[in-house]
Amino acid sequence: MQFTAQQIGILLNGNVDGNPDVTVNELAKIEEAQAGSLSFLANPKYEPFLYQTGASVVIISEEFIPSAPVTATLIRVKDPYSAFSVLLEKYNTLKLNKTGIEEPSFIHPSAKIGEDVYVGAFAYIGAGVVIGNNCKIYPQVYIGDNVEIGNDCSFFPGVKIYYDCKIGSDVVIHAGTVIGSDGFGFAPQADGSYNKISQIGNVIIEDDVEIGSNSSIDRATMGSTIIRKGVKLDNLIQLAHNVEIGKNTVIASQTGISGSTKIGEQSIIGGQVGIVGHVSIARGTQIQAQSGINRAIEEEGKKWAGSPATTYSNQMRAQVIFNRLPELERKLEELQKKLQENINKNS
C-alpha cells in the first residue's frame, strides 16, 4: 500500500508543506522512521527527532514552527495525534480487509449470512445463526446455534461464542475469548459434594463493544449477562454469570467481577481488580488497580483504592502513614527505653 503526501493531506484535511508527490508505504515512530515511512509529532519532547528522522512525511500541528531545517515533507493538521490515529485505523482496516468464505469451514444450511462477510478456514457456524453484513469471522472461530450477530463485527482467531448469545453491531472480540460459557454455579450437598446448577441464560453484547484476548464472559444462570453499548474490555478479564456492565465503561486486564454484580455506566476499573457478587457499583466510579471491592458503591463519580477498598483520598493518607511506620516504631522503642530508664532510676 503506497500513498502520496497529497493524498494523505486530503484524507486528514491538512496542508502539505514540502513535496506533495513523495510516497510512503508504512507507519513508524518518529525516532525509528526510515525513508518511505509516515510519522507524526505531537509531544514537544520528541521535537529533536523531527530534525534527525528519516521519515519521508511527518504530521505536525498547523501552529508548529520548526527551529531547524526539516528534510521530511510536513502535513499540518489541527491535532497530529488524532490525525495519526485516523491513519492507524485506515491502515488496520486495509490490512484486515478479507472477504469470501474459505475452505474448509462449516456453515449450517439454516444459518443466515449477510453481505460481504468473510469466513476463515476451520470456522464453524451453527444452526439458526444470523450474521449481519460486513462481518469478519477469522479462522477457527466457533459460533454456536441460534447466535445473533449484527453488522460490521470482527471475531479474531479462536473466539468461541456459545449458543443463544446475542451480539450487536460494530463489536470486536479478540483471539481466544469465550462468550457464553457456563457460569460458576454449584449447589453444596450434605455429603460435601457439589451438584452443578444448569446455566440456561445467555450473554447479550450491545453495539460498539471491544473485548480483548483470552477473556471469559459467562452466560447467565437465568436471564442474561449484559455488556452495554460502548464498553471496552482489556485482555484476561472474567465476568461471571448475570453480571451487567454499564454503557461506556472501561475495564483493564485481569479484573474479575463476581456473579450478579452491576457496574454503572462510564466507570473506569483498573487492572487486577476483584469485585464481589450481588453488589451495585455507581455510575462514574473509578477503581485503582489491584483494589478489592467487597461492598456496594452508592456515590457516583468517586475514586476508590485498596483492598478492601476505601475512598482514594483515604487510601493515599493511609499509604503515607504506612510508609512512616518504621520511623514511628523506632520512636516508640526510644520512648519505651527512656521510660524504662526513668523507672529504673526511681526504683
Protein backbone atom coordinates (compact mmCIF):
# COMPACT_ATOMS: atom_id res chain seq x y z
CA MET A 1 0.00 0.00 0.00
CA GLN A 2 1.53 3.27 -1.13
CA PHE A 3 0.19 6.82 -0.79
CA THR A 4 1.45 10.30 -1.61
CA ALA A 5 1.70 13.16 0.85
CA GLN A 6 -1.01 14.94 -1.15
CA GLN A 7 -3.43 12.00 -0.78
CA ILE A 8 -2.81 11.83 2.95
CA GLY A 9 -3.25 15.59 3.29
CA ILE A 10 -6.65 15.37 1.61
CA LEU A 11 -7.70 12.48 3.87
CA LEU A 12 -6.73 14.43 7.01
CA ASN A 13 -7.89 17.86 5.83
CA GLY A 14 -4.31 19.05 6.26
CA ASN A 15 -1.93 21.31 4.38
CA VAL A 16 1.18 19.85 2.73
CA ASP A 17 4.43 21.69 3.40
CA GLY A 18 7.05 20.25 1.03
CA ASN A 19 6.93 17.73 -1.81
CA PRO A 20 3.29 16.66 -2.30
CA ASP A 21 4.33 13.73 -4.53
CA VAL A 22 6.60 11.97 -2.04
CA THR A 23 5.27 8.49 -1.26
CA VAL A 24 5.05 6.41 1.91
CA ASN A 25 4.24 2.75 2.44
CA GLU A 26 4.43 2.30 6.20
CA LEU A 27 3.74 4.00 9.54
CA ALA A 28 6.52 4.39 12.10
CA LYS A 29 7.57 6.17 15.29
CA ILE A 30 9.45 9.38 14.52
CA GLU A 31 12.63 8.20 16.25
CA GLU A 32 12.70 4.95 14.23
CA ALA A 33 11.28 6.04 10.86
CA GLN A 34 13.17 5.48 7.62
CA ALA A 35 12.65 6.60 4.02
CA GLY A 36 9.16 5.66 2.88
CA SER A 37 7.75 6.00 6.42
CA LEU A 38 4.99 8.26 7.68
CA SER A 39 5.25 9.52 11.27
CA PHE A 40 3.88 12.28 13.50
CA LEU A 41 4.98 14.80 16.12
CA ALA A 42 2.53 15.59 18.92
CA ASN A 43 4.65 15.62 22.09
CA PRO A 44 7.14 18.54 22.25
CA LYS A 45 9.80 16.37 23.92
CA TYR A 46 10.13 14.44 20.65
CA GLU A 47 10.83 17.57 18.61
CA PRO A 48 14.60 16.86 18.33
CA PHE A 49 13.78 13.70 16.37
CA LEU A 50 12.00 15.81 13.74
CA TYR A 51 15.36 17.18 12.60
CA GLN A 52 17.00 13.72 12.59
CA THR A 53 14.25 11.42 11.33
CA GLY A 54 14.48 9.50 8.10
CA ALA A 55 10.71 9.66 7.64
CA SER A 56 9.51 10.86 4.26
CA VAL A 57 6.38 12.50 5.71
CA VAL A 58 5.65 13.80 9.22
CA ILE A 59 2.29 15.02 10.54
CA ILE A 60 2.64 18.12 12.73
CA SER A 61 0.42 20.77 14.29
CA GLU A 62 -0.61 23.59 11.99
CA GLU A 63 0.79 26.01 14.58
CA PHE A 64 4.21 24.36 14.92
CA ILE A 65 7.25 26.38 13.80
CA PRO A 66 10.45 24.31 13.27
CA SER A 67 13.59 25.65 14.94
CA ALA A 68 15.91 23.91 12.45
CA PRO A 69 15.77 22.64 8.85
CA VAL A 70 13.46 19.65 8.23
CA THR A 71 14.08 17.26 5.32
CA ALA A 72 10.72 15.47 5.57
CA THR A 73 7.56 16.70 3.90
CA LEU A 74 5.22 18.05 6.58
CA ILE A 75 1.45 17.74 6.77
CA ARG A 76 -0.03 20.39 9.04
CA VAL A 77 -3.26 19.50 10.90
CA LYS A 78 -5.13 20.76 13.95
CA ASP A 79 -4.42 17.69 16.11
CA PRO A 80 -1.48 15.49 14.99
CA TYR A 81 -2.23 12.68 17.46
CA SER A 82 -5.86 12.35 16.41
CA ALA A 83 -4.88 12.60 12.73
CA PHE A 84 -2.36 9.81 13.11
CA SER A 85 -4.93 7.66 14.91
CA VAL A 86 -7.18 8.06 11.85
CA LEU A 87 -4.36 6.75 9.67
CA LEU A 88 -3.74 3.83 12.02
CA GLU A 89 -7.40 2.87 11.74
CA LYS A 90 -7.37 3.17 7.94
CA TYR A 91 -4.16 1.12 7.76
CA ASN A 92 -5.59 -1.55 10.03
CA THR A 93 -8.83 -1.68 8.03
CA LEU A 94 -6.94 -2.20 4.78
CA LYS A 95 -4.67 -4.82 6.32
CA LEU A 96 -7.59 -6.81 7.70
CA ASN A 97 -9.82 -6.39 4.66
CA LYS A 98 -10.62 -10.02 3.85
CA THR A 99 -13.69 -11.29 2.01
CA GLY A 100 -15.16 -14.58 0.90
CA ILE A 101 -15.65 -17.97 2.52
CA GLU A 102 -12.55 -20.10 2.90
CA GLU A 103 -12.49 -23.88 2.87
CA PRO A 104 -12.62 -25.98 4.87
CA SER A 105 -15.24 -24.25 7.03
CA PHE A 106 -18.71 -25.30 8.16
CA ILE A 107 -21.86 -23.17 7.80
CA HIS A 108 -25.12 -24.88 8.75
CA PRO A 109 -27.73 -24.71 5.97
CA SER A 110 -30.15 -22.87 8.28
CA ALA A 111 -27.65 -20.09 9.10
CA LYS A 112 -28.28 -16.69 7.52
CA ILE A 113 -25.15 -14.86 6.41
CA GLY A 114 -25.22 -11.17 5.36
CA GLU A 115 -23.41 -9.46 2.51
CA ASP A 116 -19.63 -9.11 2.24
CA VAL A 117 -18.95 -11.49 5.11
CA TYR A 118 -15.56 -13.15 5.49
CA VAL A 119 -15.44 -16.65 6.99
CA GLY A 120 -11.96 -18.04 7.60
CA ALA A 121 -10.81 -21.62 7.30
CA PHE A 122 -11.92 -24.08 10.00
CA ALA A 123 -14.61 -21.72 11.30
CA TYR A 124 -17.87 -23.30 12.50
CA ILE A 125 -21.25 -21.57 12.22
CA GLY A 126 -24.13 -23.49 13.79
CA ALA A 127 -27.83 -23.94 13.14
CA GLY A 128 -30.06 -20.87 13.19
CA VAL A 129 -27.18 -18.41 13.37
CA VAL A 130 -27.82 -14.93 11.95
CA ILE A 131 -24.80 -12.84 10.91
CA GLY A 132 -25.16 -9.28 9.59
CA ASN A 133 -23.31 -7.52 6.79
CA ASN A 134 -19.56 -6.82 6.57
CA CYS A 135 -18.61 -9.17 9.40
CA LYS A 136 -15.24 -10.92 9.61
CA ILE A 137 -15.15 -14.39 11.11
CA TYR A 138 -11.49 -15.37 11.31
CA PRO A 139 -10.14 -18.95 11.23
CA GLN A 140 -11.12 -21.38 13.98
CA VAL A 141 -13.95 -19.23 15.30
CA TYR A 142 -16.87 -21.23 16.76
CA ILE A 143 -20.38 -19.74 16.67
CA GLY A 144 -22.98 -21.91 18.37
CA ASP A 145 -26.61 -22.49 17.46
CA ASN A 146 -29.05 -19.56 17.36
CA VAL A 147 -26.43 -16.89 17.93
CA GLU A 148 -27.42 -13.49 16.53
CA ILE A 149 -24.72 -11.07 15.30
CA GLY A 150 -25.17 -7.53 13.93
CA ASN A 151 -23.25 -5.71 11.21
CA ASP A 152 -19.54 -4.84 10.95
CA CYS A 153 -18.29 -7.24 13.62
CA SER A 154 -14.84 -8.85 13.78
CA PHE A 155 -14.13 -12.07 15.66
CA PHE A 156 -10.44 -12.96 15.64
CA PRO A 157 -8.99 -16.50 15.55
CA GLY A 158 -10.15 -18.91 18.20
CA VAL A 159 -13.11 -16.90 19.52
CA LYS A 160 -15.85 -19.17 20.89
CA ILE A 161 -19.44 -17.97 21.12
CA TYR A 162 -21.83 -20.40 22.77
CA TYR A 163 -25.44 -20.98 21.77
CA ASP A 164 -28.23 -18.37 22.08
CA CYS A 165 -25.94 -15.38 22.66
CA LYS A 166 -26.81 -12.04 21.06
CA ILE A 167 -24.18 -9.63 19.76
CA GLY A 168 -24.85 -6.15 18.34
CA SER A 169 -23.09 -4.23 15.57
CA ASP A 170 -19.50 -2.91 15.48
CA VAL A 171 -18.33 -5.46 18.03
CA VAL A 172 -14.70 -6.63 18.09
CA ILE A 173 -13.71 -9.77 20.00
CA HIS A 174 -10.05 -10.72 20.08
CA ALA A 175 -8.43 -14.13 19.86
CA GLY A 176 -9.15 -16.82 22.42
CA THR A 177 -12.07 -15.11 24.14
CA VAL A 178 -15.05 -17.24 25.19
CA ILE A 179 -18.56 -15.80 25.23
CA GLY A 180 -21.35 -17.70 26.96
CA SER A 181 -19.52 -20.48 28.81
CA ASP A 182 -21.28 -21.76 31.93
CA GLY A 183 -21.49 -19.56 34.98
CA PHE A 184 -19.89 -20.89 38.17
CA GLY A 185 -22.96 -22.43 39.79
CA PHE A 186 -22.78 -25.44 42.11
CA ALA A 187 -25.07 -26.46 44.99
CA PRO A 188 -23.36 -27.90 48.10
CA GLN A 189 -24.70 -31.29 49.21
CA ALA A 190 -24.95 -32.89 52.63
CA ASP A 191 -22.09 -35.26 51.86
CA GLY A 192 -19.74 -32.38 50.99
CA SER A 193 -20.03 -32.77 47.23
CA TYR A 194 -21.39 -30.21 44.77
CA ASN A 195 -24.15 -30.57 42.20
CA LYS A 196 -23.92 -28.45 39.08
CA ILE A 197 -26.67 -25.86 38.54
CA SER A 198 -27.54 -25.70 34.86
CA GLN A 199 -26.87 -22.31 33.31
CA ILE A 200 -29.74 -21.71 30.87
CA GLY A 201 -29.39 -17.96 30.23
CA ASN A 202 -27.23 -16.22 27.64
CA VAL A 203 -24.89 -13.28 27.04
CA ILE A 204 -26.01 -10.05 25.38
CA ILE A 205 -23.35 -7.73 23.97
CA GLU A 206 -24.61 -4.39 22.67
CA ASP A 207 -23.16 -2.20 19.90
CA ASP A 208 -19.64 -0.74 19.75
CA VAL A 209 -18.08 -3.11 22.28
CA GLU A 210 -14.47 -4.35 22.14
CA ILE A 211 -13.26 -7.33 24.17
CA GLY A 212 -9.58 -8.23 24.45
CA SER A 213 -8.00 -11.65 24.05
CA ASN A 214 -8.43 -14.64 26.36
CA SER A 215 -11.32 -13.18 28.32
CA SER A 216 -14.30 -15.19 29.61
CA ILE A 217 -17.85 -13.88 29.72
CA ASP A 218 -20.13 -16.39 31.48
CA ARG A 219 -23.71 -16.96 30.43
CA ALA A 220 -26.43 -16.19 32.97
CA THR A 221 -27.96 -18.83 35.18
CA MET A 222 -31.29 -17.42 34.02
CA GLY A 223 -31.81 -14.22 32.07
CA SER A 224 -28.72 -12.54 30.59
CA THR A 225 -25.20 -11.43 31.33
CA ILE A 226 -25.17 -7.99 29.67
CA ILE A 227 -22.39 -5.81 28.27
CA ARG A 228 -23.87 -2.44 27.36
CA LYS A 229 -23.06 -0.20 24.41
CA GLY A 230 -19.56 1.25 24.13
CA VAL A 231 -17.90 -0.94 26.77
CA LYS A 232 -14.18 -1.65 26.29
CA LEU A 233 -12.67 -4.70 27.98
CA ASP A 234 -8.95 -5.49 28.12
CA ASN A 235 -7.35 -8.95 27.86
CA LEU A 236 -7.77 -11.66 30.51
CA ILE A 237 -10.99 -10.43 32.09
CA GLN A 238 -13.55 -12.65 33.84
CA LEU A 239 -17.20 -11.62 34.02
CA ALA A 240 -19.35 -14.08 35.94
CA HIS A 241 -22.98 -15.08 35.38
CA ASN A 242 -25.63 -12.33 35.35
CA VAL A 243 -23.09 -9.50 35.56
CA GLU A 244 -24.13 -6.25 33.88
CA ILE A 245 -21.53 -3.74 32.65
CA GLY A 246 -22.89 -0.22 32.12
CA LYS A 247 -22.56 1.86 28.97
CA ASN A 248 -19.10 3.21 28.04
CA THR A 249 -17.34 1.53 30.95
CA VAL A 250 -13.67 0.51 30.51
CA ILE A 251 -12.02 -2.36 32.41
CA ALA A 252 -8.30 -3.20 32.42
CA SER A 253 -6.64 -6.62 32.33
CA GLN A 254 -7.00 -9.41 34.91
CA THR A 255 -10.07 -7.96 36.57
CA GLY A 256 -12.68 -10.39 37.87
CA ILE A 257 -16.30 -9.49 38.59
CA SER A 258 -18.42 -11.96 40.55
CA GLY A 259 -21.94 -13.05 39.74
CA SER A 260 -24.95 -10.71 39.54
CA THR A 261 -22.90 -7.54 40.14
CA LYS A 262 -23.94 -4.44 38.21
CA ILE A 263 -21.36 -1.86 37.14
CA GLY A 264 -22.66 1.66 36.45
CA GLU A 265 -22.07 3.36 33.14
CA GLN A 266 -18.91 5.37 32.37
CA SER A 267 -16.94 3.64 35.13
CA ILE A 268 -13.18 3.04 34.94
CA ILE A 269 -11.77 -0.11 36.52
CA GLY A 270 -8.02 -0.73 36.72
CA GLY A 271 -6.15 -4.00 36.29
CA GLN A 272 -6.37 -6.90 38.76
CA VAL A 273 -9.44 -5.50 40.49
CA GLY A 274 -11.69 -8.02 42.24
CA ILE A 275 -15.36 -7.26 42.86
CA VAL A 276 -17.67 -9.44 44.99
CA GLY A 277 -21.01 -10.66 43.75
CA HIS A 278 -24.52 -9.24 44.11
CA VAL A 279 -23.49 -5.61 44.55
CA SER A 280 -24.03 -2.46 42.50
CA ILE A 281 -21.27 -0.01 41.56
CA ALA A 282 -22.42 3.58 40.97
CA ARG A 283 -22.13 5.46 37.71
CA GLY A 284 -18.74 7.06 37.01
CA THR A 285 -16.87 5.06 39.66
CA GLN A 286 -13.08 4.87 39.26
CA ILE A 287 -11.25 1.94 40.88
CA GLN A 288 -7.46 1.83 41.18
CA ALA A 289 -5.56 -1.27 40.04
CA GLN A 290 -5.37 -4.23 42.46
CA SER A 291 -8.26 -2.96 44.56
CA GLY A 292 -10.75 -5.28 46.22
CA ILE A 293 -14.40 -4.19 46.29
CA ASN A 294 -16.32 -6.06 48.98
CA ARG A 295 -19.48 -3.95 49.18
CA ALA A 296 -21.76 -1.79 47.07
CA ILE A 297 -20.64 1.68 45.98
CA GLU A 298 -23.59 4.07 46.01
CA GLU A 299 -22.00 7.51 45.48
CA GLU A 300 -21.48 8.41 41.82
CA GLY A 301 -18.18 9.65 40.40
CA LYS A 302 -15.96 8.66 43.34
CA LYS A 303 -12.43 7.19 43.24
CA TRP A 304 -11.64 4.04 45.22
CA ALA A 305 -8.42 2.19 46.03
CA GLY A 306 -7.02 -0.53 48.27
CA SER A 307 -8.14 -3.96 49.42
CA PRO A 308 -10.62 -3.79 50.96
CA ALA A 309 -11.21 -0.57 49.07
CA THR A 310 -11.76 2.82 50.66
CA THR A 311 -12.06 6.22 49.04
CA TYR A 312 -8.98 7.16 47.06
CA SER A 313 -8.10 10.10 49.33
CA ASN A 314 -8.30 7.92 52.46
CA GLN A 315 -6.15 5.29 50.80
CA MET A 316 -3.49 7.85 49.90
CA ARG A 317 -3.42 9.12 53.50
CA ALA A 318 -3.19 5.54 54.77
CA GLN A 319 -0.23 4.86 52.49
CA VAL A 320 1.59 7.90 53.86
CA ILE A 321 1.04 6.63 57.39
CA PHE A 322 2.08 3.11 56.39
CA ASN A 323 5.34 4.40 54.93
CA ARG A 324 6.06 6.16 58.24
CA LEU A 325 5.56 3.00 60.35
CA PRO A 326 9.30 2.14 60.58
CA GLU A 327 10.04 5.65 61.84
CA LEU A 328 7.13 5.52 64.30
CA GLU A 329 8.33 2.10 65.53
CA ARG A 330 11.82 3.50 66.13
CA LYS A 331 10.43 6.47 68.09
CA LEU A 332 8.21 4.17 70.12
CA GLU A 333 11.20 1.97 71.01
CA GLU A 334 13.14 5.08 72.08
CA LEU A 335 10.28 6.21 74.31
CA GLN A 336 9.98 2.75 75.83
CA LYS A 337 13.72 2.75 76.51
CA LYS A 338 13.60 6.19 78.18
CA LEU A 339 10.57 5.18 80.19
CA GLN A 340 12.34 2.05 81.42
CA GLU A 341 15.43 4.13 82.34
CA ASN A 342 13.26 6.53 84.38
CA ILE A 343 11.59 3.60 86.12
CA ASN A 344 14.98 2.10 86.94
CA LYS A 345 16.26 5.45 88.36
CA ASN A 346 13.25 5.86 90.60
CA SER A 347 13.16 2.30 91.83
